[in-house]
Amino acid sequence: MAKKTVLISDMSGKEIPDGKGATIRITFRDARKGVRELDVTDEEAERLGGRSVARRGRRPKSAS
C-alpha cells in the first residue's frame, strides 16, 4: 500500500502543493532555546520578506 504525505502550512492551515513550499528556520541568539521550523507556502514566505542569503559551497568550474 502506498502512503502519501500531505504538508499543511503552519501559518494559514492550507495544503502545500508538491514543489511549492518553503521551510522557515528560526534560530535564537540564546542557543538554549533551540531552533524552530515552520512549513509555509511560497506566497507566505515571499510576503514575510527577509534578506537573501548567498548559497554555500564552491563555485562550479567554468566550461572551456
N, C-alpha and C. Protein backbone atom coordinates (compact mmCIF):
# COMPACT_ATOMS: atom_id res chain seq x y z
N MET A 1 0.84 -1.17 0.00
CA MET A 1 0.00 0.00 0.00
C MET A 1 0.89 1.24 0.00
N ALA A 2 0.56 2.18 -0.85
CA ALA A 2 1.32 3.42 -0.95
C ALA A 2 0.80 4.43 0.07
N LYS A 3 1.72 5.26 0.56
CA LYS A 3 1.34 6.31 1.50
C LYS A 3 1.69 7.65 0.88
N LYS A 4 0.86 8.64 1.16
CA LYS A 4 1.09 9.98 0.66
C LYS A 4 1.21 10.92 1.85
N THR A 5 2.26 11.74 1.83
CA THR A 5 2.47 12.74 2.87
C THR A 5 1.91 14.07 2.39
N VAL A 6 1.05 14.66 3.18
CA VAL A 6 0.45 15.94 2.84
C VAL A 6 1.00 16.99 3.80
N LEU A 7 1.58 18.06 3.25
CA LEU A 7 2.09 19.15 4.07
C LEU A 7 1.02 20.22 4.22
N ILE A 8 0.87 20.71 5.45
CA ILE A 8 -0.07 21.77 5.75
C ILE A 8 0.71 22.97 6.27
N SER A 9 0.37 24.16 5.80
CA SER A 9 1.04 25.38 6.23
C SER A 9 0.79 25.62 7.71
N ASP A 10 1.85 25.94 8.45
CA ASP A 10 1.72 26.25 9.87
C ASP A 10 1.11 27.63 10.09
N MET A 11 1.12 28.49 9.07
CA MET A 11 0.59 29.84 9.24
C MET A 11 -0.89 29.93 8.85
N SER A 12 -1.26 29.36 7.71
CA SER A 12 -2.62 29.52 7.22
C SER A 12 -3.47 28.26 7.33
N GLY A 13 -2.84 27.11 7.47
CA GLY A 13 -3.60 25.86 7.53
C GLY A 13 -3.96 25.30 6.17
N LYS A 14 -3.47 25.91 5.08
CA LYS A 14 -3.75 25.44 3.73
C LYS A 14 -2.80 24.32 3.36
N GLU A 15 -3.23 23.46 2.44
CA GLU A 15 -2.37 22.39 1.95
C GLU A 15 -1.29 22.98 1.04
N ILE A 16 -0.06 22.47 1.17
CA ILE A 16 1.06 22.95 0.35
C ILE A 16 1.24 21.98 -0.80
N PRO A 17 1.06 22.44 -2.07
CA PRO A 17 1.26 21.55 -3.22
C PRO A 17 2.73 21.11 -3.33
N ASP A 18 2.95 19.96 -3.98
CA ASP A 18 4.32 19.46 -4.18
C ASP A 18 5.17 20.48 -4.91
N GLY A 19 6.36 20.75 -4.39
CA GLY A 19 7.29 21.68 -5.03
C GLY A 19 6.96 23.15 -4.83
N LYS A 20 5.95 23.48 -4.03
CA LYS A 20 5.54 24.87 -3.86
C LYS A 20 5.61 25.32 -2.41
N GLY A 21 6.48 24.71 -1.60
CA GLY A 21 6.55 25.06 -0.20
C GLY A 21 7.91 25.56 0.20
N ALA A 22 7.98 26.05 1.43
CA ALA A 22 9.25 26.53 1.98
C ALA A 22 9.28 26.20 3.46
N THR A 23 10.47 26.13 4.01
CA THR A 23 10.65 25.93 5.44
C THR A 23 11.34 27.16 6.00
N ILE A 24 10.74 27.76 7.00
CA ILE A 24 11.34 28.92 7.66
C ILE A 24 11.98 28.41 8.94
N ARG A 25 13.26 28.71 9.10
CA ARG A 25 14.03 28.24 10.25
C ARG A 25 14.36 29.44 11.13
N ILE A 26 13.96 29.36 12.40
CA ILE A 26 14.20 30.44 13.35
C ILE A 26 15.24 29.95 14.35
N THR A 27 16.37 30.65 14.40
CA THR A 27 17.40 30.31 15.38
C THR A 27 17.50 31.46 16.36
N PHE A 28 17.51 31.14 17.63
CA PHE A 28 17.58 32.14 18.68
C PHE A 28 19.04 32.45 19.00
N ARG A 29 19.31 33.68 19.41
CA ARG A 29 20.66 34.06 19.82
C ARG A 29 21.09 33.26 21.05
N ASP A 30 20.13 32.97 21.92
CA ASP A 30 20.39 32.14 23.09
C ASP A 30 20.20 30.68 22.66
N ALA A 31 21.30 29.94 22.52
CA ALA A 31 21.26 28.59 21.97
C ALA A 31 20.43 27.63 22.82
N ARG A 32 20.18 27.96 24.07
CA ARG A 32 19.40 27.06 24.93
C ARG A 32 17.95 26.96 24.49
N LYS A 33 17.48 27.97 23.76
CA LYS A 33 16.08 27.94 23.29
C LYS A 33 15.90 27.02 22.10
N GLY A 34 17.00 26.65 21.44
CA GLY A 34 16.91 25.73 20.31
C GLY A 34 16.53 26.40 19.02
N VAL A 35 15.96 25.62 18.11
CA VAL A 35 15.60 26.07 16.77
C VAL A 35 14.14 25.73 16.52
N ARG A 36 13.43 26.61 15.86
CA ARG A 36 12.02 26.37 15.47
C ARG A 36 11.93 26.36 13.96
N GLU A 37 11.06 25.53 13.40
CA GLU A 37 10.85 25.48 11.95
C GLU A 37 9.37 25.58 11.64
N LEU A 38 9.05 26.30 10.57
CA LEU A 38 7.68 26.45 10.09
C LEU A 38 7.61 26.01 8.64
N ASP A 39 6.58 25.23 8.29
CA ASP A 39 6.31 24.89 6.90
C ASP A 39 5.29 25.89 6.38
N VAL A 40 5.62 26.55 5.27
CA VAL A 40 4.74 27.59 4.71
C VAL A 40 4.68 27.44 3.20
N THR A 41 3.71 28.10 2.58
CA THR A 41 3.61 28.12 1.13
C THR A 41 4.59 29.15 0.58
N ASP A 42 4.84 29.10 -0.73
CA ASP A 42 5.74 30.06 -1.37
C ASP A 42 5.27 31.50 -1.17
N GLU A 43 3.96 31.71 -1.30
CA GLU A 43 3.42 33.06 -1.18
C GLU A 43 3.63 33.62 0.23
N GLU A 44 3.42 32.79 1.25
CA GLU A 44 3.61 33.24 2.62
C GLU A 44 5.07 33.57 2.90
N ALA A 45 5.97 32.78 2.35
CA ALA A 45 7.40 33.03 2.54
C ALA A 45 7.82 34.34 1.87
N GLU A 46 7.32 34.59 0.66
CA GLU A 46 7.64 35.83 -0.04
C GLU A 46 7.09 37.04 0.70
N ARG A 47 5.90 36.90 1.28
CA ARG A 47 5.26 38.00 1.99
C ARG A 47 6.06 38.38 3.25
N LEU A 48 6.68 37.39 3.90
CA LEU A 48 7.46 37.67 5.11
C LEU A 48 8.73 38.45 4.79
N GLY A 49 9.25 38.25 3.59
CA GLY A 49 10.42 39.01 3.19
C GLY A 49 11.69 38.44 3.79
N GLY A 50 12.47 39.30 4.41
CA GLY A 50 13.76 38.87 4.95
C GLY A 50 14.85 39.21 3.95
N ARG A 51 16.07 38.86 4.31
CA ARG A 51 17.19 39.15 3.41
C ARG A 51 17.61 37.88 2.70
N SER A 52 18.14 38.03 1.53
CA SER A 52 18.61 36.91 0.74
C SER A 52 19.99 36.50 1.22
N VAL A 53 20.22 35.20 1.31
CA VAL A 53 21.50 34.68 1.78
C VAL A 53 22.15 33.92 0.64
N ALA A 54 23.45 34.16 0.43
CA ALA A 54 24.16 33.51 -0.66
C ALA A 54 24.26 32.01 -0.41
N ARG A 55 24.30 31.26 -1.50
CA ARG A 55 24.46 29.81 -1.39
C ARG A 55 25.87 29.48 -0.95
N ARG A 56 26.02 28.39 -0.25
CA ARG A 56 27.33 28.00 0.24
C ARG A 56 27.97 26.99 -0.70
N GLY A 57 29.28 26.86 -0.60
CA GLY A 57 30.00 25.87 -1.40
C GLY A 57 30.86 26.51 -2.46
N ARG A 58 31.53 25.65 -3.21
CA ARG A 58 32.41 26.14 -4.27
C ARG A 58 31.60 26.54 -5.49
N ARG A 59 32.17 27.50 -6.22
CA ARG A 59 31.55 27.88 -7.49
C ARG A 59 31.88 26.80 -8.50
N PRO A 60 30.96 26.51 -9.39
CA PRO A 60 31.26 25.50 -10.42
C PRO A 60 32.36 25.97 -11.36
N LYS A 61 33.14 25.01 -11.88
CA LYS A 61 34.20 25.34 -12.82
C LYS A 61 33.58 25.89 -14.09
N SER A 62 34.25 26.88 -14.68
CA SER A 62 33.73 27.45 -15.93
C SER A 62 34.00 26.48 -17.07
N ALA A 63 33.03 26.34 -17.96
CA ALA A 63 33.20 25.45 -19.13
C ALA A 63 34.13 26.11 -20.13
N SER A 64 35.12 25.34 -20.60
CA SER A 64 36.04 25.92 -21.58
C SER A 64 35.89 25.27 -22.92
